[in-house]
Amino acid sequence: MIVENSKGKELFTQKCVTCHTLGKPQDMSTVVAPALNGVMKHLKMIHSEKANGVAFIKDYVMNPSESKALCMPKKIKRFGLMPSQKGNVTPEELEVIANWMFENYPQKGFKGMGHGKI
């Protein structure tokens, strides 16, 4: 169940939704980054424990690298590497966002687009 009125969702909407949609994108031609459902599906395949997943998010968002990326290589080719969010989000905000993401995504019933393994 998604916690609709949480501080995490509010911060995600302010800081992240410019690139990462909360649901299925309406117009795929305008997509600039993977949607949150897909991001979290891949993250939880590798980091199923919340503490590990949240730690990964906090590190990756501030210090992204191709070697750390969990998405399929063709996603990096399509979208490029996520830029560091240093200066856009504080560590405290990121802690709230990462916990909210882990607790609420991927949404129940999300299947992905059938692109296979990461």
N, C-alpha and C. Protein backbone atom coordinates (compact mmCIF):
# COMPACT_ATOMS: atom_id res chain seq x y z
N MET A 1 0.84 -1.19 0.00
CA MET A 1 0.00 0.00 0.00
C MET A 1 0.88 1.24 0.00
N ILE A 2 0.58 2.18 -0.85
CA ILE A 2 1.36 3.41 -0.94
C ILE A 2 0.88 4.39 0.12
N VAL A 3 1.82 4.95 0.84
CA VAL A 3 1.51 5.97 1.84
C VAL A 3 1.42 7.29 1.09
N GLU A 4 0.20 7.70 0.75
CA GLU A 4 -0.02 8.84 -0.14
C GLU A 4 0.47 10.17 0.40
N ASN A 5 0.27 10.43 1.67
CA ASN A 5 0.56 11.76 2.20
C ASN A 5 1.90 11.81 2.96
N SER A 6 2.81 10.99 2.58
CA SER A 6 4.07 10.94 3.29
C SER A 6 5.03 12.04 2.85
N LYS A 7 5.94 12.38 3.72
CA LYS A 7 7.00 13.35 3.40
C LYS A 7 7.88 12.80 2.27
N GLY A 8 8.08 11.50 2.24
CA GLY A 8 8.89 10.89 1.19
C GLY A 8 8.30 11.11 -0.19
N LYS A 9 7.00 10.94 -0.32
CA LYS A 9 6.36 11.17 -1.62
C LYS A 9 6.45 12.64 -1.99
N GLU A 10 6.24 13.51 -1.02
CA GLU A 10 6.33 14.95 -1.27
C GLU A 10 7.72 15.32 -1.77
N LEU A 11 8.74 14.81 -1.09
CA LEU A 11 10.12 15.10 -1.50
C LEU A 11 10.45 14.47 -2.85
N PHE A 12 9.99 13.23 -3.08
CA PHE A 12 10.23 12.59 -4.37
C PHE A 12 9.61 13.44 -5.49
N THR A 13 8.40 13.92 -5.26
CA THR A 13 7.72 14.74 -6.25
C THR A 13 8.49 16.04 -6.52
N GLN A 14 9.05 16.62 -5.48
CA GLN A 14 9.81 17.87 -5.63
C GLN A 14 11.18 17.64 -6.27
N LYS A 15 11.84 16.54 -5.92
CA LYS A 15 13.25 16.36 -6.28
C LYS A 15 13.50 15.36 -7.42
N CYS A 16 12.59 14.42 -7.64
CA CYS A 16 12.91 13.29 -8.52
C CYS A 16 11.96 13.09 -9.70
N VAL A 17 10.72 13.55 -9.56
CA VAL A 17 9.70 13.22 -10.55
C VAL A 17 9.92 13.94 -11.89
N THR A 18 10.79 14.90 -11.92
CA THR A 18 11.13 15.53 -13.20
C THR A 18 11.67 14.49 -14.17
N CYS A 19 12.39 13.51 -13.64
CA CYS A 19 12.97 12.45 -14.48
C CYS A 19 12.27 11.10 -14.29
N HIS A 20 11.97 10.72 -13.06
CA HIS A 20 11.41 9.40 -12.75
C HIS A 20 9.92 9.51 -12.46
N THR A 21 9.08 8.91 -13.31
CA THR A 21 7.64 8.95 -13.07
C THR A 21 7.25 7.98 -11.97
N LEU A 22 6.15 8.29 -11.30
CA LEU A 22 5.63 7.43 -10.24
C LEU A 22 4.89 6.22 -10.79
N GLY A 23 4.29 6.35 -11.92
CA GLY A 23 3.55 5.27 -12.55
C GLY A 23 4.01 5.07 -13.97
N LYS A 24 3.20 4.36 -14.73
CA LYS A 24 3.54 4.13 -16.13
C LYS A 24 3.50 5.46 -16.88
N PRO A 25 4.56 5.78 -17.60
CA PRO A 25 4.58 7.04 -18.36
C PRO A 25 3.44 7.08 -19.39
N GLN A 26 2.82 8.23 -19.51
CA GLN A 26 1.72 8.40 -20.47
C GLN A 26 2.25 8.50 -21.90
N ASP A 27 3.39 9.14 -22.06
CA ASP A 27 3.96 9.36 -23.39
C ASP A 27 5.41 8.91 -23.36
N MET A 28 5.68 7.74 -23.92
CA MET A 28 7.03 7.17 -23.87
C MET A 28 8.07 8.04 -24.59
N SER A 29 7.63 8.89 -25.49
CA SER A 29 8.58 9.74 -26.22
C SER A 29 9.17 10.84 -25.33
N THR A 30 8.55 11.08 -24.19
CA THR A 30 9.05 12.13 -23.29
C THR A 30 9.84 11.57 -22.10
N VAL A 31 9.98 10.27 -22.03
CA VAL A 31 10.65 9.62 -20.90
C VAL A 31 12.15 9.90 -20.95
N VAL A 32 12.70 10.39 -19.83
CA VAL A 32 14.14 10.69 -19.77
C VAL A 32 14.89 9.79 -18.79
N ALA A 33 14.15 8.98 -18.01
CA ALA A 33 14.76 8.07 -17.05
C ALA A 33 13.76 6.95 -16.76
N PRO A 34 14.22 5.83 -16.28
CA PRO A 34 13.29 4.74 -15.96
C PRO A 34 12.28 5.17 -14.89
N ALA A 35 11.07 4.64 -15.00
CA ALA A 35 10.03 4.92 -14.01
C ALA A 35 10.39 4.26 -12.67
N LEU A 36 9.83 4.80 -11.60
CA LEU A 36 10.16 4.33 -10.25
C LEU A 36 9.83 2.85 -10.06
N ASN A 37 8.73 2.36 -10.61
CA ASN A 37 8.41 0.94 -10.46
C ASN A 37 9.55 0.06 -10.98
N GLY A 38 10.05 0.36 -12.16
CA GLY A 38 11.13 -0.42 -12.74
C GLY A 38 12.42 -0.30 -11.96
N VAL A 39 12.73 0.92 -11.55
CA VAL A 39 13.94 1.15 -10.75
C VAL A 39 13.91 0.28 -9.51
N MET A 40 12.78 0.32 -8.80
CA MET A 40 12.70 -0.41 -7.54
C MET A 40 12.60 -1.92 -7.74
N LYS A 41 12.01 -2.36 -8.84
CA LYS A 41 11.97 -3.79 -9.13
C LYS A 41 13.40 -4.32 -9.26
N HIS A 42 14.21 -3.62 -10.03
CA HIS A 42 15.60 -4.05 -10.21
C HIS A 42 16.39 -3.93 -8.92
N LEU A 43 16.19 -2.87 -8.19
CA LEU A 43 16.92 -2.69 -6.93
C LEU A 43 16.60 -3.83 -5.97
N LYS A 44 15.34 -4.18 -5.83
CA LYS A 44 14.94 -5.22 -4.87
C LYS A 44 15.36 -6.62 -5.32
N MET A 45 15.65 -6.80 -6.60
CA MET A 45 16.18 -8.09 -7.06
C MET A 45 17.59 -8.30 -6.50
N ILE A 46 18.30 -7.22 -6.26
CA ILE A 46 19.67 -7.29 -5.76
C ILE A 46 19.72 -7.00 -4.26
N HIS A 47 18.96 -6.01 -3.81
CA HIS A 47 18.96 -5.57 -2.41
C HIS A 47 17.57 -5.76 -1.82
N SER A 48 17.26 -6.99 -1.42
CA SER A 48 15.92 -7.28 -0.92
C SER A 48 15.71 -6.81 0.52
N GLU A 49 16.78 -6.63 1.26
CA GLU A 49 16.66 -6.12 2.63
C GLU A 49 16.63 -4.59 2.59
N LYS A 50 15.71 -4.04 3.35
CA LYS A 50 15.50 -2.59 3.32
C LYS A 50 16.77 -1.80 3.63
N ALA A 51 17.50 -2.17 4.65
CA ALA A 51 18.70 -1.41 5.04
C ALA A 51 19.70 -1.36 3.89
N ASN A 52 19.88 -2.49 3.21
CA ASN A 52 20.82 -2.54 2.08
C ASN A 52 20.30 -1.72 0.89
N GLY A 53 19.00 -1.82 0.63
CA GLY A 53 18.41 -1.08 -0.48
C GLY A 53 18.49 0.42 -0.26
N VAL A 54 18.16 0.86 0.94
CA VAL A 54 18.20 2.29 1.26
C VAL A 54 19.64 2.80 1.19
N ALA A 55 20.58 2.03 1.71
CA ALA A 55 21.99 2.43 1.66
C ALA A 55 22.45 2.55 0.20
N PHE A 56 22.04 1.59 -0.65
CA PHE A 56 22.41 1.65 -2.06
C PHE A 56 21.86 2.91 -2.71
N ILE A 57 20.57 3.20 -2.49
CA ILE A 57 19.94 4.38 -3.09
C ILE A 57 20.70 5.64 -2.68
N LYS A 58 20.98 5.78 -1.40
CA LYS A 58 21.65 6.98 -0.90
C LYS A 58 23.03 7.14 -1.52
N ASP A 59 23.75 6.05 -1.66
CA ASP A 59 25.08 6.12 -2.26
C ASP A 59 24.99 6.41 -3.76
N TYR A 60 24.13 5.67 -4.46
CA TYR A 60 24.06 5.80 -5.91
C TYR A 60 23.56 7.18 -6.35
N VAL A 61 22.58 7.71 -5.66
CA VAL A 61 22.02 9.01 -6.05
C VAL A 61 23.07 10.11 -5.95
N MET A 62 23.93 10.02 -4.96
CA MET A 62 24.96 11.05 -4.78
C MET A 62 26.23 10.75 -5.58
N ASN A 63 26.50 9.46 -5.80
CA ASN A 63 27.75 9.06 -6.46
C ASN A 63 27.49 7.97 -7.51
N PRO A 64 26.70 8.28 -8.53
CA PRO A 64 26.38 7.25 -9.52
C PRO A 64 27.60 6.87 -10.37
N SER A 65 27.62 5.62 -10.75
CA SER A 65 28.66 5.16 -11.68
C SER A 65 28.11 3.97 -12.45
N GLU A 66 28.66 3.76 -13.61
CA GLU A 66 28.20 2.64 -14.43
C GLU A 66 28.45 1.31 -13.73
N SER A 67 29.54 1.23 -12.97
CA SER A 67 29.84 -0.02 -12.28
C SER A 67 28.84 -0.33 -11.17
N LYS A 68 28.20 0.68 -10.61
CA LYS A 68 27.19 0.48 -9.56
C LYS A 68 25.79 0.27 -10.12
N ALA A 69 25.55 0.69 -11.35
CA ALA A 69 24.20 0.68 -11.92
C ALA A 69 23.58 -0.72 -11.89
N LEU A 70 22.31 -0.79 -11.52
CA LEU A 70 21.60 -2.06 -11.45
C LEU A 70 20.70 -2.29 -12.66
N CYS A 71 20.53 -1.28 -13.47
CA CYS A 71 19.64 -1.41 -14.63
C CYS A 71 20.34 -2.14 -15.76
N MET A 72 19.53 -2.52 -16.72
CA MET A 72 20.06 -3.21 -17.89
C MET A 72 20.97 -2.26 -18.67
N PRO A 73 22.05 -2.75 -19.25
CA PRO A 73 22.95 -1.89 -20.02
C PRO A 73 22.24 -1.07 -21.09
N LYS A 74 21.19 -1.64 -21.69
CA LYS A 74 20.50 -0.87 -22.73
C LYS A 74 19.75 0.32 -22.15
N LYS A 75 19.42 0.29 -20.85
CA LYS A 75 18.80 1.46 -20.21
C LYS A 75 19.83 2.58 -20.08
N ILE A 76 21.06 2.24 -19.74
CA ILE A 76 22.11 3.25 -19.65
C ILE A 76 22.38 3.82 -21.04
N LYS A 77 22.38 2.95 -22.03
CA LYS A 77 22.59 3.42 -23.40
C LYS A 77 21.48 4.38 -23.82
N ARG A 78 20.25 4.06 -23.45
CA ARG A 78 19.11 4.89 -23.83
C ARG A 78 19.07 6.21 -23.06
N PHE A 79 19.23 6.13 -21.72
CA PHE A 79 19.04 7.30 -20.88
C PHE A 79 20.33 7.98 -20.44
N GLY A 80 21.44 7.28 -20.54
CA GLY A 80 22.69 7.78 -19.98
C GLY A 80 22.74 7.46 -18.49
N LEU A 81 23.84 7.78 -17.89
CA LEU A 81 24.02 7.53 -16.46
C LEU A 81 23.32 8.64 -15.67
N MET A 82 22.67 8.28 -14.61
CA MET A 82 22.01 9.28 -13.77
C MET A 82 23.04 10.28 -13.28
N PRO A 83 22.75 11.57 -13.37
CA PRO A 83 23.70 12.55 -12.83
C PRO A 83 23.64 12.57 -11.31
N SER A 84 24.74 12.88 -10.69
CA SER A 84 24.77 13.03 -9.23
C SER A 84 23.77 14.07 -8.80
N GLN A 85 23.11 13.81 -7.70
CA GLN A 85 22.11 14.75 -7.19
C GLN A 85 22.66 15.61 -6.04
N LYS A 86 23.99 15.61 -5.91
CA LYS A 86 24.61 16.51 -4.92
C LYS A 86 24.19 17.93 -5.26
N GLY A 87 23.73 18.67 -4.28
CA GLY A 87 23.27 20.02 -4.51
C GLY A 87 21.79 20.11 -4.82
N ASN A 88 21.18 19.00 -5.22
CA ASN A 88 19.74 18.98 -5.49
C ASN A 88 18.96 18.41 -4.31
N VAL A 89 19.56 17.48 -3.60
CA VAL A 89 18.89 16.83 -2.47
C VAL A 89 19.89 16.72 -1.32
N THR A 90 19.43 16.98 -0.11
CA THR A 90 20.30 16.86 1.06
C THR A 90 20.34 15.40 1.51
N PRO A 91 21.37 15.01 2.25
CA PRO A 91 21.40 13.64 2.78
C PRO A 91 20.16 13.32 3.63
N GLU A 92 19.67 14.29 4.36
CA GLU A 92 18.48 14.07 5.19
C GLU A 92 17.24 13.84 4.33
N GLU A 93 17.09 14.64 3.28
CA GLU A 93 15.96 14.46 2.36
C GLU A 93 16.06 13.10 1.66
N LEU A 94 17.27 12.75 1.26
CA LEU A 94 17.48 11.49 0.55
C LEU A 94 17.17 10.30 1.45
N GLU A 95 17.46 10.39 2.71
CA GLU A 95 17.12 9.33 3.67
C GLU A 95 15.60 9.10 3.67
N VAL A 96 14.84 10.18 3.73
CA VAL A 96 13.37 10.09 3.74
C VAL A 96 12.87 9.53 2.41
N ILE A 97 13.39 10.04 1.31
CA ILE A 97 12.97 9.59 -0.02
C ILE A 97 13.28 8.11 -0.21
N ALA A 98 14.49 7.70 0.12
CA ALA A 98 14.90 6.31 -0.10
C ALA A 98 14.05 5.34 0.72
N ASN A 99 13.76 5.69 1.96
CA ASN A 99 12.90 4.83 2.78
C ASN A 99 11.50 4.74 2.20
N TRP A 100 10.95 5.86 1.76
CA TRP A 100 9.62 5.87 1.16
C TRP A 100 9.60 5.02 -0.12
N MET A 101 10.62 5.19 -0.95
CA MET A 101 10.70 4.40 -2.18
C MET A 101 10.69 2.91 -1.87
N PHE A 102 11.52 2.51 -0.91
CA PHE A 102 11.65 1.09 -0.60
C PHE A 102 10.35 0.53 -0.03
N GLU A 103 9.68 1.32 0.78
CA GLU A 103 8.44 0.85 1.42
C GLU A 103 7.26 0.78 0.45
N ASN A 104 7.29 1.53 -0.62
CA ASN A 104 6.11 1.66 -1.47
C ASN A 104 6.24 1.18 -2.91
N TYR A 105 7.43 0.87 -3.34
CA TYR A 105 7.66 0.49 -4.74
C TYR A 105 8.54 -0.73 -4.84
N PRO A 106 8.36 -1.55 -5.91
CA PRO A 106 7.39 -1.39 -6.97
C PRO A 106 5.98 -1.62 -6.44
N GLN A 107 5.02 -1.03 -7.11
CA GLN A 107 3.63 -1.16 -6.70
C GLN A 107 3.17 -2.60 -6.89
N LYS A 108 2.25 -3.01 -6.03
CA LYS A 108 1.70 -4.37 -6.10
C LYS A 108 1.16 -4.64 -7.50
N GLY A 109 1.52 -5.77 -8.05
CA GLY A 109 1.05 -6.16 -9.38
C GLY A 109 1.92 -5.67 -10.53
N PHE A 110 2.96 -4.86 -10.23
CA PHE A 110 3.83 -4.38 -11.30
C PHE A 110 4.59 -5.54 -11.90
N LYS A 111 4.55 -5.65 -13.22
CA LYS A 111 5.24 -6.75 -13.91
C LYS A 111 6.41 -6.27 -14.74
N GLY A 112 6.51 -5.01 -15.02
CA GLY A 112 7.59 -4.52 -15.88
C GLY A 112 7.19 -4.67 -17.34
N MET A 113 8.13 -4.36 -18.17
CA MET A 113 7.85 -4.38 -19.61
C MET A 113 8.39 -5.63 -20.29
N GLY A 114 8.81 -6.63 -19.51
CA GLY A 114 9.22 -7.90 -20.08
C GLY A 114 10.55 -7.84 -20.81
N HIS A 115 11.48 -7.04 -20.32
CA HIS A 115 12.78 -6.94 -20.99
C HIS A 115 13.78 -7.98 -20.50
N GLY A 116 13.37 -8.88 -19.65
CA GLY A 116 14.28 -9.93 -19.24
C GLY A 116 15.13 -9.57 -18.05
N LYS A 117 16.30 -10.18 -17.97
CA LYS A 117 17.18 -10.02 -16.81
C LYS A 117 17.85 -8.66 -16.82
N ILE A 118 18.31 -8.28 -15.62
CA ILE A 118 19.03 -7.01 -15.51
C ILE A 118 20.38 -7.09 -16.16
